[in-house]
């Protein structure tokens, strides 16, 4: 049986912990794979480098992608995902604290499925994650992924 996973691409330990806590509190039981920079995210998503042996029976339900990342920024990660036939349809939700309109425009131009500004308030963040989980993990139909 194929496991549906969430890939969280987040370099800030506080935002990572907050996101994981919010997912858990909202009873989202999917396995969560955390990558902490853009290069690691690319390696995991494409099953290369240190993640060359990853289990391809894992279906990625959604990628939660921060923009401001070390090594390779989130926009470049998104661009690489959309350029590859195996990942071009993968649901990607940009979750960022950026208030730059250019980041919003560029994210959608590169094929982001959604763009969420991280709320500073924990209660608001919990609600955003609840809605995100309901939509992307329960209601949304994920396209078939090529191996």
C-alpha atoms as a PDB file:
ATOM      1  CA  UNK A   1       0.000   0.000   0.000  1.00  0.00           C
ATOM      2  CA  UNK A   2       1.210   3.474  -0.836  1.00  0.00           C
ATOM      3  CA  UNK A   3       1.718   5.897   2.053  1.00  0.00           C
ATOM      4  CA  UNK A   4       0.721   9.522   1.534  1.00  0.00           C
ATOM      5  CA  UNK A   5       3.302  11.878   2.938  1.00  0.00           C
ATOM      6  CA  UNK A   6       3.730  15.600   3.439  1.00  0.00           C
ATOM      7  CA  UNK A   7       7.069  17.175   2.581  1.00  0.00           C
ATOM      8  CA  UNK A   8       7.825  20.217   4.730  1.00  0.00           C
ATOM      9  CA  UNK A   9      10.654  22.376   3.378  1.00  0.00           C
ATOM     10  CA  UNK A  10      11.528  24.723   6.240  1.00  0.00           C
ATOM     11  CA  UNK A  11      14.875  26.004   7.498  1.00  0.00           C
ATOM     12  CA  UNK A  12      13.619  27.868  10.587  1.00  0.00           C
ATOM     13  CA  UNK A  13      13.524  25.444  13.563  1.00  0.00           C
ATOM     14  CA  UNK A  14      10.782  27.474  15.279  1.00  0.00           C
ATOM     15  CA  UNK A  15       8.550  27.490  12.190  1.00  0.00           C
ATOM     16  CA  UNK A  16       9.236  23.775  11.689  1.00  0.00           C
ATOM     17  CA  UNK A  17       8.229  22.966  15.273  1.00  0.00           C
ATOM     18  CA  UNK A  18       5.164  25.200  15.026  1.00  0.00           C
ATOM     19  CA  UNK A  19       4.040  23.566  11.767  1.00  0.00           C
ATOM     20  CA  UNK A  20       4.581  20.038  13.094  1.00  0.00           C
ATOM     21  CA  UNK A  21       2.714  20.906  16.298  1.00  0.00           C
ATOM     22  CA  UNK A  22      -0.175  22.424  14.337  1.00  0.00           C
ATOM     23  CA  UNK A  23      -0.405  19.374  12.063  1.00  0.00           C
ATOM     24  CA  UNK A  24      -0.429  17.040  15.072  1.00  0.00           C
ATOM     25  CA  UNK A  25      -2.999  19.118  16.993  1.00  0.00           C
ATOM     26  CA  UNK A  26      -5.258  19.019  13.926  1.00  0.00           C
ATOM     27  CA  UNK A  27      -5.044  15.202  13.847  1.00  0.00           C
ATOM     28  CA  UNK A  28      -3.163  15.081  10.577  1.00  0.00           C
ATOM     29  CA  UNK A  29      -1.596  11.657  10.825  1.00  0.00           C
ATOM     30  CA  UNK A  30       0.283  11.572   7.518  1.00  0.00           C
ATOM     31  CA  UNK A  31       4.009  10.951   7.704  1.00  0.00           C
ATOM     32  CA  UNK A  32       5.879  14.246   7.479  1.00  0.00           C
ATOM     33  CA  UNK A  33       9.305  14.422   5.886  1.00  0.00           C
ATOM     34  CA  UNK A  34      11.214  17.575   6.819  1.00  0.00           C
ATOM     35  CA  UNK A  35      13.945  18.970   4.614  1.00  0.00           C
ATOM     36  CA  UNK A  36      15.802  22.019   5.898  1.00  0.00           C
ATOM     37  CA  UNK A  37      17.201  23.608   2.745  1.00  0.00           C
ATOM     38  CA  UNK A  38      16.409  23.763  -0.939  1.00  0.00           C
ATOM     39  CA  UNK A  39      19.160  21.368  -1.997  1.00  0.00           C
ATOM     40  CA  UNK A  40      17.953  18.679   0.427  1.00  0.00           C
ATOM     41  CA  UNK A  41      14.368  19.216  -0.749  1.00  0.00           C
ATOM     42  CA  UNK A  42      15.401  18.689  -4.373  1.00  0.00           C
ATOM     43  CA  UNK A  43      17.366  15.550  -3.440  1.00  0.00           C
ATOM     44  CA  UNK A  44      14.376  14.110  -1.578  1.00  0.00           C
ATOM     45  CA  UNK A  45      11.742  15.048  -4.145  1.00  0.00           C
ATOM     46  CA  UNK A  46      13.783  13.646  -7.026  1.00  0.00           C
ATOM     47  CA  UNK A  47      15.145  10.655  -5.060  1.00  0.00           C
ATOM     48  CA  UNK A  48      18.782  11.579  -5.626  1.00  0.00           C
ATOM     49  CA  UNK A  49      21.912  12.338  -3.606  1.00  0.00           C
ATOM     50  CA  UNK A  50      21.485  11.390   0.047  1.00  0.00           C
ATOM     51  CA  UNK A  51      17.883  10.357  -0.721  1.00  0.00           C
ATOM     52  CA  UNK A  52      18.713   8.137  -3.712  1.00  0.00           C
ATOM     53  CA  UNK A  53      17.303   5.073  -1.966  1.00  0.00           C
ATOM     54  CA  UNK A  54      14.048   6.614  -0.766  1.00  0.00           C
ATOM     55  CA  UNK A  55      10.870   4.545  -0.938  1.00  0.00           C
ATOM     56  CA  UNK A  56       9.035   5.542  -4.113  1.00  0.00           C
ATOM     57  CA  UNK A  57       5.872   3.859  -2.828  1.00  0.00           C
ATOM     58  CA  UNK A  58       5.414   7.006  -0.773  1.00  0.00           C
ATOM     59  CA  UNK A  59       2.926   9.280  -2.513  1.00  0.00           C
ATOM     60  CA  UNK A  60       3.642  12.926  -1.838  1.00  0.00           C
ATOM     61  CA  UNK A  61       0.284  14.521  -1.032  1.00  0.00           C
ATOM     62  CA  UNK A  62       1.608  18.042  -0.807  1.00  0.00           C
ATOM     63  CA  UNK A  63       4.854  19.979  -0.501  1.00  0.00           C
ATOM     64  CA  UNK A  64       4.798  22.816   2.044  1.00  0.00           C
ATOM     65  CA  UNK A  65       7.530  25.074   0.706  1.00  0.00           C
ATOM     66  CA  UNK A  66       9.171  28.024   2.412  1.00  0.00           C
ATOM     67  CA  UNK A  67      10.744  30.576   0.058  1.00  0.00           C
ATOM     68  CA  UNK A  68      13.701  31.881   2.034  1.00  0.00           C
ATOM     69  CA  UNK A  69      15.926  28.796   2.176  1.00  0.00           C
ATOM     70  CA  UNK A  70      19.685  28.217   2.359  1.00  0.00           C
ATOM     71  CA  UNK A  71      21.611  26.676  -0.564  1.00  0.00           C
ATOM     72  CA  UNK A  72      18.719  26.773  -3.070  1.00  0.00           C
ATOM     73  CA  UNK A  73      15.801  29.155  -2.515  1.00  0.00           C
ATOM     74  CA  UNK A  74      12.179  28.028  -2.591  1.00  0.00           C
ATOM     75  CA  UNK A  75      11.419  29.644  -5.952  1.00  0.00           C
ATOM     76  CA  UNK A  76      14.243  27.665  -7.559  1.00  0.00           C
ATOM     77  CA  UNK A  77      12.935  24.460  -5.930  1.00  0.00           C
ATOM     78  CA  UNK A  78       9.482  25.214  -7.353  1.00  0.00           C
ATOM     79  CA  UNK A  79      10.957  25.927 -10.791  1.00  0.00           C
ATOM     80  CA  UNK A  80      12.819  22.596 -10.816  1.00  0.00           C
ATOM     81  CA  UNK A  81       9.668  20.728  -9.751  1.00  0.00           C
ATOM     82  CA  UNK A  82       7.649  22.260 -12.568  1.00  0.00           C
ATOM     83  CA  UNK A  83      10.334  21.596 -15.194  1.00  0.00           C
ATOM     84  CA  UNK A  84      10.393  17.846 -14.533  1.00  0.00           C
ATOM     85  CA  UNK A  85       7.652  15.626 -15.986  1.00  0.00           C
ATOM     86  CA  UNK A  86       7.627  13.442 -12.851  1.00  0.00           C
ATOM     87  CA  UNK A  87       6.958  16.341 -10.471  1.00  0.00           C
ATOM     88  CA  UNK A  88       5.281  19.013 -12.583  1.00  0.00           C
ATOM     89  CA  UNK A  89       1.814  18.176 -11.210  1.00  0.00           C
ATOM     90  CA  UNK A  90       2.892  17.714  -7.576  1.00  0.00           C
ATOM     91  CA  UNK A  91       0.780  19.960  -5.299  1.00  0.00           C
ATOM     92  CA  UNK A  92       2.982  22.720  -3.853  1.00  0.00           C
ATOM     93  CA  UNK A  93       1.792  25.141  -1.197  1.00  0.00           C
ATOM     94  CA  UNK A  94       4.137  28.035  -0.594  1.00  0.00           C
ATOM     95  CA  UNK A  95       4.136  28.843   3.137  1.00  0.00           C
ATOM     96  CA  UNK A  96       6.206  31.915   3.812  1.00  0.00           C
ATOM     97  CA  UNK A  97       6.513  34.928   6.030  1.00  0.00           C
ATOM     98  CA  UNK A  98       7.447  37.031   2.983  1.00  0.00           C
ATOM     99  CA  UNK A  99       5.251  40.044   2.436  1.00  0.00           C
ATOM    100  CA  UNK A 100       6.879  40.810  -0.925  1.00  0.00           C
ATOM    101  CA  UNK A 101       4.284  41.019  -3.691  1.00  0.00           C
ATOM    102  CA  UNK A 102       6.967  39.873  -6.140  1.00  0.00           C
ATOM    103  CA  UNK A 103       7.328  36.566  -4.221  1.00  0.00           C
ATOM    104  CA  UNK A 104       3.573  36.015  -4.503  1.00  0.00           C
ATOM    105  CA  UNK A 105       3.527  36.779  -8.234  1.00  0.00           C
ATOM    106  CA  UNK A 106       6.624  34.721  -8.953  1.00  0.00           C
ATOM    107  CA  UNK A 107       5.341  31.743  -6.937  1.00  0.00           C
ATOM    108  CA  UNK A 108       2.151  31.573  -8.967  1.00  0.00           C
ATOM    109  CA  UNK A 109       4.030  32.255 -12.217  1.00  0.00           C
ATOM    110  CA  UNK A 110       6.227  29.229 -11.494  1.00  0.00           C
ATOM    111  CA  UNK A 111       3.203  27.006 -10.811  1.00  0.00           C
ATOM    112  CA  UNK A 112       2.498  27.118  -7.071  1.00  0.00           C
ATOM    113  CA  UNK A 113      -0.920  25.681  -6.239  1.00  0.00           C
ATOM    114  CA  UNK A 114      -1.410  27.957  -3.252  1.00  0.00           C
ATOM    115  CA  UNK A 115       0.373  30.758  -1.404  1.00  0.00           C
ATOM    116  CA  UNK A 116      -0.048  31.201   2.348  1.00  0.00           C
ATOM    117  CA  UNK A 117       1.541  33.893   4.469  1.00  0.00           C
ATOM    118  CA  UNK A 118       2.454  32.426   7.832  1.00  0.00           C
ATOM    119  CA  UNK A 119       0.379  34.147  10.504  1.00  0.00           C
ATOM    120  CA  UNK A 120       2.365  35.370  13.480  1.00  0.00           C
ATOM    121  CA  UNK A 121      -0.436  34.476  15.887  1.00  0.00           C
ATOM    122  CA  UNK A 122      -0.420  30.780  16.906  1.00  0.00           C
ATOM    123  CA  UNK A 123      -4.234  30.487  16.921  1.00  0.00           C
ATOM    124  CA  UNK A 124      -4.423  31.863  13.383  1.00  0.00           C
ATOM    125  CA  UNK A 125      -1.607  29.565  12.323  1.00  0.00           C
ATOM    126  CA  UNK A 126      -3.418  26.545  13.819  1.00  0.00           C
ATOM    127  CA  UNK A 127      -6.545  27.425  11.862  1.00  0.00           C
ATOM    128  CA  UNK A 128      -4.557  27.917   8.644  1.00  0.00           C
ATOM    129  CA  UNK A 129      -2.945  24.485   9.066  1.00  0.00           C
ATOM    130  CA  UNK A 130      -6.326  22.891   9.873  1.00  0.00           C
ATOM    131  CA  UNK A 131      -7.824  24.272   6.679  1.00  0.00           C
ATOM    132  CA  UNK A 132      -4.716  23.358   4.699  1.00  0.00           C
ATOM    133  CA  UNK A 133      -4.894  19.774   5.986  1.00  0.00           C
ATOM    134  CA  UNK A 134      -8.606  19.480   5.294  1.00  0.00           C
ATOM    135  CA  UNK A 135      -8.279  20.704   1.741  1.00  0.00           C
ATOM    136  CA  UNK A 136      -4.951  19.269   0.565  1.00  0.00           C
ATOM    137  CA  UNK A 137      -5.057  15.957   2.438  1.00  0.00           C
ATOM    138  CA  UNK A 138      -8.775  15.104   2.484  1.00  0.00           C
ATOM    139  CA  UNK A 139     -10.626  16.910  -0.299  1.00  0.00           C
ATOM    140  CA  UNK A 140      -7.962  17.384  -2.978  1.00  0.00           C
ATOM    141  CA  UNK A 141      -7.368  14.604  -5.510  1.00  0.00           C
ATOM    142  CA  UNK A 142      -3.641  14.116  -6.126  1.00  0.00           C
ATOM    143  CA  UNK A 143      -2.580  13.396  -9.725  1.00  0.00           C
ATOM    144  CA  UNK A 144      -0.849  10.052 -10.314  1.00  0.00           C
ATOM    145  CA  UNK A 145       2.889  10.217  -9.731  1.00  0.00           C
ATOM    146  CA  UNK A 146       5.366   8.620 -12.045  1.00  0.00           C
ATOM    147  CA  UNK A 147       8.030   6.449 -10.477  1.00  0.00           C
END
